N, C-alpha and C. Protein backbone atom coordinates (compact mmCIF):
# COMPACT_ATOMS: atom_id res chain seq x y z
N MET A 1 -16.03 5.56 -11.16
CA MET A 1 -15.03 4.86 -12.06
C MET A 1 -13.73 4.59 -10.89
N LEU A 2 -13.27 3.28 -11.34
CA LEU A 2 -12.16 3.15 -10.52
C LEU A 2 -11.62 2.51 -11.66
N ALA A 3 -10.35 3.27 -10.92
CA ALA A 3 -9.00 3.18 -11.94
C ALA A 3 -7.94 2.76 -11.11
N LYS A 4 -6.98 1.62 -11.49
CA LYS A 4 -5.94 1.10 -10.98
C LYS A 4 -4.92 1.24 -11.49
N VAL A 5 -3.29 2.02 -10.88
CA VAL A 5 -2.64 2.00 -11.41
C VAL A 5 -1.44 1.33 -11.25
N CYS A 6 -0.49 0.66 -11.44
CA CYS A 6 0.79 0.10 -11.01
C CYS A 6 1.76 0.60 -11.68
N LEU A 7 2.61 1.04 -10.82
CA LEU A 7 3.71 1.86 -11.73
C LEU A 7 4.99 1.62 -10.96
N LEU A 8 5.78 2.07 -11.33
CA LEU A 8 7.69 1.39 -11.27
C LEU A 8 8.14 2.49 -10.34
N ASN A 9 7.65 3.71 -10.96
CA ASN A 9 8.05 4.81 -10.41
C ASN A 9 7.00 5.64 -9.50
N PRO A 10 7.09 6.09 -8.24
CA PRO A 10 6.22 6.93 -7.61
C PRO A 10 5.75 7.94 -7.62
N ARG A 11 6.84 8.74 -8.41
CA ARG A 11 6.66 10.14 -9.17
C ARG A 11 5.01 10.32 -9.37
N TYR A 12 4.73 9.22 -10.03
CA TYR A 12 3.31 8.60 -11.36
C TYR A 12 2.17 8.80 -10.04
N ALA A 13 2.10 8.59 -9.48
CA ALA A 13 0.88 8.59 -8.44
C ALA A 13 -0.15 9.46 -8.75
N TRP A 14 0.49 10.95 -8.78
CA TRP A 14 -0.89 11.82 -8.98
C TRP A 14 -1.74 11.38 -10.31
N LEU A 15 -1.25 9.69 -11.32
CA LEU A 15 -1.89 9.85 -11.97
C LEU A 15 -2.87 8.90 -11.82
N ALA A 16 -2.58 8.18 -10.76
CA ALA A 16 -3.97 7.15 -10.04
C ALA A 16 -4.87 7.90 -9.33
N LEU A 17 -4.81 9.51 -9.70
CA LEU A 17 -5.69 10.18 -8.89
C LEU A 17 -6.58 10.74 -9.69
N ILE A 18 -5.90 11.28 -10.59
CA ILE A 18 -6.25 11.82 -12.34
C ILE A 18 -7.49 10.65 -12.81
N LEU A 19 -6.71 9.33 -12.77
CA LEU A 19 -7.42 8.15 -13.44
C LEU A 19 -8.69 7.97 -12.78
N SER A 20 -8.68 7.95 -11.73
CA SER A 20 -9.86 7.45 -10.72
C SER A 20 -10.80 8.36 -10.48
N LEU A 21 -10.71 9.63 -11.25
CA LEU A 21 -12.02 10.51 -11.20
C LEU A 21 -12.36 10.27 -12.62
N THR A 22 -14.01 10.65 -12.46
CA THR A 22 -14.92 10.61 -13.18
C THR A 22 -14.95 11.31 -14.12
N PRO A 23 -15.26 11.64 -15.27
CA PRO A 23 -15.81 12.66 -16.26
C PRO A 23 -16.13 13.87 -15.98
N ALA A 24 -17.05 13.76 -15.33
CA ALA A 24 -18.05 14.62 -14.34
C ALA A 24 -17.52 15.55 -13.32
N ALA A 25 -16.48 14.48 -12.61
CA ALA A 25 -15.68 15.41 -11.61
C ALA A 25 -14.52 16.42 -12.22
N ILE A 26 -14.06 15.54 -13.54
CA ILE A 26 -13.26 16.70 -14.17
C ILE A 26 -13.57 17.67 -14.81
N GLY A 27 -14.48 17.53 -14.92
CA GLY A 27 -15.65 18.67 -15.79
C GLY A 27 -15.24 18.30 -17.84
N ALA A 28 -14.60 17.13 -17.75
CA ALA A 28 -14.10 16.85 -19.55
C ALA A 28 -14.49 15.40 -19.63
N ASP A 29 -14.37 15.06 -20.41
CA ASP A 29 -14.34 13.61 -21.25
C ASP A 29 -13.10 12.84 -20.57
N PHE A 30 -13.41 12.07 -20.51
CA PHE A 30 -12.26 10.75 -19.81
C PHE A 30 -11.19 10.70 -21.00
N PRO A 31 -10.01 11.20 -20.65
CA PRO A 31 -9.19 10.78 -21.92
C PRO A 31 -9.16 9.46 -22.26
N SER A 32 -8.96 9.22 -23.99
CA SER A 32 -8.90 7.99 -24.67
C SER A 32 -7.63 7.37 -24.11
N ASP A 33 -7.89 6.11 -25.04
CA ASP A 33 -6.28 5.38 -24.52
C ASP A 33 -5.32 6.00 -25.32
N SER A 34 -5.58 6.50 -26.23
CA SER A 34 -4.41 7.07 -27.08
C SER A 34 -3.48 8.37 -26.37
N GLU A 35 -4.72 8.76 -26.28
CA GLU A 35 -3.62 10.55 -24.84
C GLU A 35 -3.55 9.58 -23.56
N ILE A 36 -4.00 8.29 -23.41
CA ILE A 36 -3.25 8.13 -21.38
C ILE A 36 -1.81 7.34 -22.43
N ARG A 37 -1.80 6.70 -23.33
CA ARG A 37 -0.40 6.27 -23.67
C ARG A 37 0.35 7.62 -24.46
N ALA A 38 0.04 8.07 -24.83
CA ALA A 38 0.84 9.57 -25.01
C ALA A 38 1.61 10.24 -23.90
N LEU A 39 0.76 10.38 -22.49
CA LEU A 39 1.36 10.75 -21.32
C LEU A 39 2.04 9.53 -21.30
N LEU A 40 2.41 7.98 -21.03
CA LEU A 40 2.82 7.38 -20.42
C LEU A 40 4.22 7.58 -21.48
N ARG A 41 4.19 7.61 -22.35
CA ARG A 41 5.03 7.41 -23.45
C ARG A 41 5.94 9.00 -22.88
N ASP A 42 5.28 9.89 -22.95
CA ASP A 42 6.00 11.36 -22.63
C ASP A 42 7.08 11.30 -21.76
N TYR A 43 6.04 10.34 -20.08
CA TYR A 43 6.72 10.10 -18.76
C TYR A 43 7.93 9.19 -19.14
N ILE A 44 8.21 8.62 -19.98
CA ILE A 44 9.07 7.43 -19.79
C ILE A 44 10.07 7.83 -20.85
N GLU A 45 9.68 8.37 -22.41
CA GLU A 45 10.80 8.68 -23.41
C GLU A 45 11.36 9.90 -23.34
N ARG A 46 10.32 11.46 -22.52
CA ARG A 46 10.51 12.70 -22.72
C ARG A 46 11.34 12.52 -21.63
N ASP A 47 10.82 12.23 -20.49
CA ASP A 47 10.63 12.82 -19.06
C ASP A 47 11.71 11.94 -18.42
N HIS A 48 12.39 10.87 -18.66
CA HIS A 48 12.85 10.02 -18.31
C HIS A 48 12.69 9.57 -16.45
N TRP A 49 11.28 9.52 -16.08
CA TRP A 49 11.16 9.12 -15.18
C TRP A 49 10.96 7.91 -14.72
N GLY A 50 10.79 6.67 -15.23
CA GLY A 50 10.73 5.40 -15.25
C GLY A 50 10.99 4.74 -16.35
N VAL A 51 10.96 3.23 -16.48
CA VAL A 51 11.04 2.75 -17.45
C VAL A 51 9.88 1.71 -18.16
N GLY A 52 9.05 1.84 -17.24
CA GLY A 52 7.70 1.07 -17.50
C GLY A 52 6.75 1.35 -16.57
N ILE A 53 5.30 1.65 -17.32
CA ILE A 53 3.84 1.71 -16.59
C ILE A 53 2.78 1.32 -16.98
N VAL A 54 2.11 0.61 -16.51
CA VAL A 54 0.92 0.06 -16.82
C VAL A 54 -0.34 0.98 -16.13
N VAL A 55 -1.51 0.77 -16.98
CA VAL A 55 -2.66 1.54 -16.42
C VAL A 55 -3.86 0.70 -16.39
N GLY A 56 -4.83 0.21 -15.63
CA GLY A 56 -5.71 -0.20 -15.81
C GLY A 56 -6.96 0.35 -15.51
N ILE A 57 -7.71 0.57 -15.99
CA ILE A 57 -9.54 0.88 -15.87
C ILE A 57 -10.59 -0.05 -15.99
N VAL A 58 -11.20 0.74 -15.16
CA VAL A 58 -12.37 -0.32 -14.75
C VAL A 58 -13.78 1.01 -14.81
N ASP A 59 -14.69 0.50 -15.59
CA ASP A 59 -15.59 1.86 -15.56
C ASP A 59 -16.67 1.07 -16.27
N GLU A 60 -17.90 1.86 -16.30
CA GLU A 60 -19.09 1.20 -16.57
C GLU A 60 -19.31 0.36 -17.98
N HIS A 61 -17.95 0.22 -18.75
CA HIS A 61 -18.08 0.14 -20.03
C HIS A 61 -17.40 -1.49 -19.91
N GLY A 62 -16.69 -1.43 -18.80
CA GLY A 62 -15.80 -2.60 -18.31
C GLY A 62 -14.40 -2.41 -18.57
N SER A 63 -13.33 -2.88 -18.48
CA SER A 63 -11.83 -3.14 -18.04
C SER A 63 -10.95 -3.22 -19.27
N ARG A 64 -10.05 -1.78 -19.25
CA ARG A 64 -8.92 -1.97 -20.38
C ARG A 64 -7.53 -1.46 -20.11
N ILE A 65 -6.57 -1.85 -20.29
CA ILE A 65 -5.43 -1.65 -19.98
C ILE A 65 -5.03 -1.01 -21.11
N ILE A 66 -3.82 -0.25 -20.47
CA ILE A 66 -3.06 0.79 -21.69
C ILE A 66 -1.69 0.55 -20.40
N SER A 67 -0.73 0.20 -21.78
CA SER A 67 0.55 0.13 -21.43
C SER A 67 2.03 0.66 -21.73
N TYR A 68 2.79 1.22 -21.28
CA TYR A 68 4.21 1.45 -22.20
C TYR A 68 5.61 1.63 -21.58
N GLY A 69 6.51 1.05 -22.25
CA GLY A 69 7.99 0.67 -21.43
C GLY A 69 7.85 -0.79 -21.03
N LYS A 70 8.91 -0.99 -20.72
CA LYS A 70 10.18 -2.22 -20.53
C LYS A 70 10.08 -2.38 -18.69
N LEU A 71 10.17 -3.99 -18.66
CA LEU A 71 10.53 -4.20 -17.73
C LEU A 71 11.56 -2.88 -16.58
N ASP A 72 12.72 -2.94 -17.09
CA ASP A 72 13.96 -2.04 -16.77
C ASP A 72 14.71 -1.58 -17.99
N ASN A 73 15.53 -0.91 -17.71
CA ASN A 73 16.63 -0.20 -18.60
C ASN A 73 17.49 -1.02 -19.39
N GLY A 74 17.56 -2.71 -18.96
CA GLY A 74 18.47 -3.16 -19.79
C GLY A 74 17.82 -4.96 -20.29
N SER A 75 16.62 -4.41 -20.32
CA SER A 75 15.42 -5.48 -20.69
C SER A 75 14.73 -5.24 -21.71
N SER A 76 14.53 -5.68 -22.94
CA SER A 76 13.64 -5.48 -23.92
C SER A 76 12.16 -6.20 -24.04
N SER A 77 11.90 -6.66 -22.69
CA SER A 77 10.54 -7.34 -22.72
C SER A 77 9.46 -6.03 -22.12
N GLN A 78 8.27 -5.79 -22.79
CA GLN A 78 7.97 -4.82 -22.30
C GLN A 78 6.72 -5.18 -21.31
N VAL A 79 6.04 -4.23 -20.60
CA VAL A 79 5.27 -4.16 -19.66
C VAL A 79 3.99 -4.55 -20.35
N ASP A 80 3.09 -5.20 -19.43
CA ASP A 80 1.71 -5.11 -19.61
C ASP A 80 0.77 -5.86 -18.85
N GLY A 81 -0.54 -5.95 -18.77
CA GLY A 81 -1.16 -6.03 -17.65
C GLY A 81 -0.98 -7.34 -16.71
N ASP A 82 -0.05 -8.06 -17.26
CA ASP A 82 0.01 -9.19 -16.78
C ASP A 82 1.57 -9.24 -15.85
N THR A 83 2.58 -8.08 -16.01
CA THR A 83 3.53 -7.33 -15.45
C THR A 83 3.12 -7.44 -13.89
N LEU A 84 3.86 -8.26 -12.94
CA LEU A 84 4.02 -7.98 -11.49
C LEU A 84 5.18 -6.59 -11.30
N PHE A 85 4.03 -5.49 -10.41
CA PHE A 85 5.04 -4.73 -10.09
C PHE A 85 5.43 -4.08 -8.20
N GLU A 86 5.93 -4.04 -7.96
CA GLU A 86 6.28 -4.08 -6.56
C GLU A 86 5.47 -2.28 -6.12
N ILE A 87 4.37 -2.02 -5.54
CA ILE A 87 3.65 -0.63 -5.65
C ILE A 87 3.83 -0.41 -4.28
N GLY A 88 4.93 -1.42 -3.66
CA GLY A 88 5.50 -0.18 -2.07
C GLY A 88 4.13 0.52 -1.46
N SER A 89 4.64 1.67 -1.23
CA SER A 89 3.60 2.22 -0.19
C SER A 89 2.09 3.26 -0.66
N ILE A 90 2.24 2.90 -1.74
CA ILE A 90 0.88 2.62 -2.17
C ILE A 90 -0.55 1.84 -1.53
N THR A 91 0.44 0.52 -1.07
CA THR A 91 -0.56 -0.39 -0.34
C THR A 91 -1.10 -0.17 1.10
N LYS A 92 -0.26 1.29 1.42
CA LYS A 92 -0.18 1.76 3.00
C LYS A 92 -1.82 2.16 3.37
N THR A 93 -2.20 2.84 1.69
CA THR A 93 -3.50 3.05 1.42
C THR A 93 -4.51 2.27 1.55
N PHE A 94 -3.94 1.29 0.85
CA PHE A 94 -5.39 -0.01 0.90
C PHE A 94 -5.85 -0.51 2.28
N THR A 95 -4.37 -0.50 2.89
CA THR A 95 -4.09 -1.44 4.07
C THR A 95 -5.38 -0.19 5.41
N ALA A 96 -5.13 0.98 5.51
CA ALA A 96 -5.88 1.89 6.03
C ALA A 96 -7.13 1.59 5.54
N LEU A 97 -7.64 1.71 4.25
CA LEU A 97 -9.16 1.81 3.96
C LEU A 97 -9.85 0.23 4.38
N LEU A 98 -8.77 -0.77 4.26
CA LEU A 98 -9.33 -1.68 4.92
C LEU A 98 -9.48 -2.15 6.23
N LEU A 99 -8.74 -1.57 7.21
CA LEU A 99 -8.80 -1.52 8.46
C LEU A 99 -10.44 -0.24 9.04
N GLU A 100 -10.62 0.85 8.34
CA GLU A 100 -11.28 1.86 8.01
C GLU A 100 -13.14 0.98 8.00
N ASP A 101 -12.91 -0.15 7.14
CA ASP A 101 -14.23 -0.29 6.99
C ASP A 101 -14.22 -1.67 8.04
N MET A 102 -13.34 -2.51 8.63
CA MET A 102 -13.51 -3.34 9.64
C MET A 102 -14.00 -2.26 11.00
N VAL A 103 -13.49 -1.27 11.09
CA VAL A 103 -13.75 -0.59 12.24
C VAL A 103 -14.93 -0.39 12.11
N ALA A 104 -15.85 0.47 10.73
CA ALA A 104 -16.96 0.28 10.64
C ALA A 104 -17.85 -0.93 10.69
N ARG A 105 -17.91 -1.83 10.49
CA ARG A 105 -18.47 -3.08 10.65
C ARG A 105 -18.41 -3.78 11.77
N GLY A 106 -17.86 -3.06 13.06
CA GLY A 106 -17.32 -3.27 14.21
C GLY A 106 -16.92 -4.99 14.34
N GLU A 107 -15.76 -5.02 13.63
CA GLU A 107 -14.90 -6.39 13.67
C GLU A 107 -13.64 -5.52 14.30
N MET A 108 -13.07 -4.46 14.67
CA MET A 108 -12.36 -4.21 15.16
C MET A 108 -12.57 -2.98 15.29
N LYS A 109 -11.50 -2.08 16.21
CA LYS A 109 -11.72 -1.19 17.10
C LYS A 109 -9.97 -0.54 17.04
N LEU A 110 -10.24 0.86 16.76
CA LEU A 110 -9.23 1.22 16.47
C LEU A 110 -8.12 1.14 17.99
N ASP A 111 -8.82 1.23 18.81
CA ASP A 111 -8.28 1.23 20.24
C ASP A 111 -7.52 -0.12 20.48
N ASP A 112 -8.02 -1.30 19.97
CA ASP A 112 -7.32 -2.33 20.45
C ASP A 112 -6.43 -2.49 20.29
N PRO A 113 -5.52 -3.48 20.63
CA PRO A 113 -4.19 -3.50 20.98
C PRO A 113 -3.66 -4.64 20.03
N VAL A 114 -2.66 -4.41 19.35
CA VAL A 114 -2.61 -5.21 18.40
C VAL A 114 -2.14 -6.66 18.22
N GLU A 115 -1.94 -7.29 19.64
CA GLU A 115 -1.93 -8.53 20.80
C GLU A 115 -2.93 -8.99 20.57
N LYS A 116 -4.39 -8.64 20.30
CA LYS A 116 -5.58 -9.11 20.54
C LYS A 116 -5.67 -10.25 19.23
N PHE A 117 -4.99 -9.67 17.78
CA PHE A 117 -5.27 -10.20 16.86
C PHE A 117 -4.08 -11.63 16.49
N LEU A 118 -3.20 -11.43 17.78
CA LEU A 118 -2.19 -12.34 17.17
C LEU A 118 -2.18 -13.25 18.20
N PRO A 119 -1.77 -14.42 17.57
CA PRO A 119 -1.46 -15.81 18.11
C PRO A 119 -0.95 -15.57 19.50
N GLU A 120 -1.10 -16.50 20.81
CA GLU A 120 -0.37 -16.01 21.88
C GLU A 120 0.81 -16.00 22.12
N LYS A 121 1.39 -16.75 21.67
CA LYS A 121 2.84 -16.63 21.21
C LYS A 121 3.64 -16.25 20.97
N VAL A 122 3.15 -14.90 19.76
CA VAL A 122 3.61 -13.74 19.69
C VAL A 122 3.94 -12.75 20.89
N LYS A 123 4.78 -12.47 20.87
CA LYS A 123 4.94 -11.45 22.33
C LYS A 123 5.40 -9.95 21.28
N ILE A 124 4.34 -8.75 21.54
CA ILE A 124 4.38 -7.53 21.12
C ILE A 124 5.30 -6.96 21.99
N PRO A 125 6.24 -5.84 21.68
CA PRO A 125 6.88 -4.56 22.93
C PRO A 125 5.59 -3.88 23.00
N SER A 126 5.90 -3.50 24.23
CA SER A 126 5.38 -1.95 24.78
C SER A 126 6.24 -1.10 25.51
N LYS A 127 6.10 0.18 25.51
CA LYS A 127 6.63 0.95 26.46
C LYS A 127 5.88 1.91 27.26
N GLY A 128 6.67 2.05 28.44
CA GLY A 128 5.87 3.27 29.14
C GLY A 128 4.43 2.75 29.65
N GLY A 129 4.23 1.58 29.63
CA GLY A 129 3.44 0.61 29.93
C GLY A 129 2.19 0.55 29.18
N ARG A 130 2.51 1.28 27.59
CA ARG A 130 1.48 1.73 26.71
C ARG A 130 1.62 0.58 25.40
N LYS A 131 0.36 0.06 25.41
CA LYS A 131 0.56 -1.26 24.08
C LYS A 131 0.34 -0.72 23.38
N ILE A 132 0.32 -1.21 21.94
CA ILE A 132 0.66 -0.89 20.56
C ILE A 132 -0.84 -0.31 20.07
N THR A 133 -1.68 -0.36 19.81
CA THR A 133 -2.79 -0.43 18.98
C THR A 133 -3.16 0.11 17.81
N LEU A 134 -4.37 -0.38 16.96
CA LEU A 134 -4.31 -0.58 15.32
C LEU A 134 -4.15 0.72 14.76
N LEU A 135 -4.57 1.81 15.75
CA LEU A 135 -4.47 2.90 15.53
C LEU A 135 -3.27 3.82 15.28
N ASP A 136 -2.28 3.00 16.64
CA ASP A 136 -0.62 3.42 16.24
C ASP A 136 -0.21 2.65 14.96
N LEU A 137 -0.58 2.01 14.65
CA LEU A 137 0.33 1.19 13.38
C LEU A 137 -0.37 1.87 12.33
N ALA A 138 -1.48 2.32 12.25
CA ALA A 138 -2.11 2.97 10.79
C ALA A 138 -1.58 4.72 11.02
N THR A 139 -1.20 4.86 12.47
CA THR A 139 -0.44 6.64 12.06
C THR A 139 0.61 6.88 12.24
N HIS A 140 1.76 5.42 11.99
CA HIS A 140 3.05 5.20 11.70
C HIS A 140 3.61 5.95 13.19
N SER A 141 3.09 5.86 14.71
CA SER A 141 3.37 6.18 15.67
C SER A 141 2.99 4.86 16.63
N SER A 142 3.31 3.39 16.53
CA SER A 142 3.60 2.88 17.21
C SER A 142 5.07 2.56 18.30
N GLY A 143 6.24 3.15 17.65
CA GLY A 143 6.89 3.35 17.68
C GLY A 143 8.12 2.05 17.35
N LEU A 144 7.70 1.44 16.54
CA LEU A 144 8.36 0.28 15.77
C LEU A 144 9.48 1.08 14.66
N PRO A 145 10.30 0.42 14.60
CA PRO A 145 11.56 0.52 13.49
C PRO A 145 10.98 0.88 11.96
N ARG A 146 11.43 1.17 11.15
CA ARG A 146 11.43 1.35 10.07
C ARG A 146 11.01 0.16 8.97
N ASP A 147 11.78 -0.59 9.06
CA ASP A 147 12.12 -1.77 8.55
C ASP A 147 12.68 -3.02 9.50
N ILE A 148 12.60 -4.39 8.70
CA ILE A 148 13.44 -5.36 9.30
C ILE A 148 14.19 -6.23 8.24
N ASN A 149 14.77 -6.99 8.65
CA ASN A 149 15.66 -7.68 7.55
C ASN A 149 14.72 -9.18 6.86
N ASP A 150 14.08 -9.90 7.83
CA ASP A 150 13.42 -10.76 7.30
C ASP A 150 11.64 -10.92 7.81
N TRP A 151 11.34 -10.68 6.13
CA TRP A 151 9.89 -10.13 5.87
C TRP A 151 8.91 -11.32 5.88
N THR A 152 9.27 -12.27 6.63
CA THR A 152 8.19 -13.56 6.51
C THR A 152 7.30 -13.17 7.61
N VAL A 153 6.69 -13.67 8.22
CA VAL A 153 5.67 -13.75 8.91
C VAL A 153 6.08 -14.30 10.47
N GLN A 154 7.21 -15.71 10.25
CA GLN A 154 7.72 -15.99 11.39
C GLN A 154 8.62 -14.81 11.86
N GLY A 155 9.92 -14.49 10.36
CA GLY A 155 10.63 -13.37 10.73
C GLY A 155 10.18 -12.19 11.63
N MET A 156 9.06 -11.33 11.19
CA MET A 156 8.21 -10.70 11.95
C MET A 156 8.07 -11.04 13.26
N TYR A 157 7.14 -11.86 13.55
CA TYR A 157 6.85 -12.56 15.01
C TYR A 157 8.76 -12.73 15.94
N ASP A 158 9.43 -13.42 15.28
CA ASP A 158 11.00 -13.41 15.77
C ASP A 158 11.48 -11.97 16.31
N PHE A 159 11.40 -10.72 15.39
CA PHE A 159 11.94 -10.13 15.71
C PHE A 159 10.77 -9.02 16.72
N LEU A 160 9.51 -9.15 16.74
CA LEU A 160 8.52 -8.24 17.43
C LEU A 160 9.43 -8.59 18.87
N GLY A 161 9.79 -10.15 18.89
CA GLY A 161 9.84 -10.59 20.65
C GLY A 161 10.92 -10.51 21.23
N ARG A 162 11.87 -9.44 20.13
CA ARG A 162 13.06 -9.01 20.92
C ARG A 162 12.99 -8.01 20.62
N CYS A 163 12.32 -6.84 19.95
CA CYS A 163 12.32 -5.37 19.55
C CYS A 163 12.15 -4.43 20.80
N GLN A 164 12.89 -3.38 21.03
CA GLN A 164 12.63 -2.36 21.71
C GLN A 164 12.43 -1.56 20.97
N LEU A 165 11.21 -0.53 21.66
CA LEU A 165 10.69 0.12 20.57
C LEU A 165 10.94 1.62 20.87
N ILE A 166 11.11 2.09 19.81
CA ILE A 166 11.56 3.39 19.67
C ILE A 166 11.33 4.79 20.43
N SER A 167 9.96 4.60 20.98
CA SER A 167 8.97 5.25 21.35
C SER A 167 7.67 5.05 22.21
N LYS A 168 7.26 5.45 23.21
CA LYS A 168 6.83 5.46 23.92
C LYS A 168 5.41 5.20 22.73
N PRO A 169 4.31 4.07 22.36
CA PRO A 169 3.16 4.08 21.32
C PRO A 169 2.12 5.40 21.57
N GLY A 170 1.77 5.95 20.01
CA GLY A 170 1.02 7.21 20.37
C GLY A 170 1.97 8.42 20.27
N THR A 171 2.68 8.18 20.60
CA THR A 171 3.46 9.93 21.22
C THR A 171 4.29 10.50 20.27
N LYS A 172 4.63 9.39 19.24
CA LYS A 172 6.00 10.20 18.29
C LYS A 172 5.43 9.28 17.05
N VAL A 173 5.55 10.40 15.98
CA VAL A 173 5.46 9.63 14.53
C VAL A 173 6.91 9.28 13.94
N LEU A 174 6.53 8.26 13.78
CA LEU A 174 7.87 7.28 13.46
C LEU A 174 7.82 6.63 12.06
N TYR A 175 7.87 7.04 10.71
CA TYR A 175 7.49 6.24 9.36
C TYR A 175 8.22 4.90 9.68
N SER A 176 7.15 4.05 9.33
CA SER A 176 7.52 2.40 9.90
C SER A 176 6.59 1.30 8.75
N ASN A 177 7.48 1.15 7.92
CA ASN A 177 7.21 -0.08 6.91
C ASN A 177 6.45 -1.33 7.92
N LEU A 178 7.59 -1.73 8.84
CA LEU A 178 7.15 -2.86 9.97
C LEU A 178 5.92 -2.72 10.19
N GLY A 179 5.34 -1.34 10.73
CA GLY A 179 3.84 -1.19 11.38
C GLY A 179 3.07 -1.85 10.30
N PHE A 180 2.65 -1.19 9.59
CA PHE A 180 2.15 -1.57 8.50
C PHE A 180 1.63 -3.02 8.03
N CYS A 181 3.16 -3.23 7.94
CA CYS A 181 3.18 -4.44 7.62
C CYS A 181 2.56 -5.92 8.50
N LEU A 182 2.32 -5.11 10.04
CA LEU A 182 1.87 -5.88 11.27
C LEU A 182 0.11 -5.62 10.87
N LEU A 183 -0.14 -4.41 10.59
CA LEU A 183 -1.27 -4.14 10.45
C LEU A 183 -2.64 -4.13 9.73
N GLY A 184 -1.40 -5.12 8.17
CA GLY A 184 -1.87 -5.82 7.18
C GLY A 184 -2.42 -7.27 7.62
N HIS A 185 -0.83 -7.89 8.10
CA HIS A 185 -1.39 -9.38 8.57
C HIS A 185 -1.93 -9.36 9.74
N VAL A 186 -2.87 -8.46 10.61
CA VAL A 186 -3.69 -8.78 11.66
C VAL A 186 -4.74 -8.61 10.79
N ILE A 187 -5.11 -7.64 9.89
CA ILE A 187 -6.23 -7.78 9.35
C ILE A 187 -6.95 -8.91 8.75
N GLU A 188 -5.96 -9.25 7.77
CA GLU A 188 -5.68 -10.81 7.44
C GLU A 188 -5.88 -11.82 8.76
N LEU A 189 -5.55 -11.83 9.31
CA LEU A 189 -6.07 -12.47 10.67
C LEU A 189 -7.57 -12.87 10.90
N ARG A 190 -8.15 -11.23 11.00
CA ARG A 190 -9.21 -11.07 11.95
C ARG A 190 -10.18 -10.94 10.88
N ALA A 191 -10.08 -11.04 9.07
CA ALA A 191 -10.66 -11.60 8.01
C ALA A 191 -10.87 -13.06 7.60
N GLY A 192 -9.43 -13.56 8.02
CA GLY A 192 -9.77 -14.93 7.78
C GLY A 192 -9.75 -15.41 6.23
N THR A 193 -8.42 -13.76 5.74
CA THR A 193 -8.39 -14.47 4.62
C THR A 193 -6.72 -14.11 4.13
N ASN A 194 -6.11 -14.36 2.79
CA ASN A 194 -5.29 -13.61 2.72
C ASN A 194 -5.41 -12.28 1.93
N PHE A 195 -3.76 -11.38 2.31
CA PHE A 195 -4.49 -9.98 1.81
C PHE A 195 -4.36 -9.96 0.40
């Protein structure tokens, strides 16, 4: 069974794990829609850990959506299966899994320099003679800063062309949204499809 959980508050990430388990794995019957809705209601109304949550479940019986709450505290609009959520760092897991899949199929190697998959005009910083590899991006050890201001592709390219790395790639773990954004981008380019 595959469960997809879109959340406003990352504190609910544990729910994705619970819902991704099969009944056999958790040793019980899978919670009913009403039981899941009660959990969602408690976290929104009782515990005040968020304002809206949507759970999508896909299993051998088809798919269904359970939701509770609003878009935000000042809105009367309810969340539903068509609500767009910023899922943030959860996508890093998916990005790493896509990288793993492409490596397993021989389409990429973890020690490939990131510049191998980018247009020639894009300059990628290096430090101490060490280029940034795909593994460096996936392990937050690229030396790239956490964030940038312009999240367009051209904005990222421009930033990389003038960026000074914080540390030599592969030597220090520094959380980098930019690094994972770049990793997702090169996966897109290599796969020839959008992310």
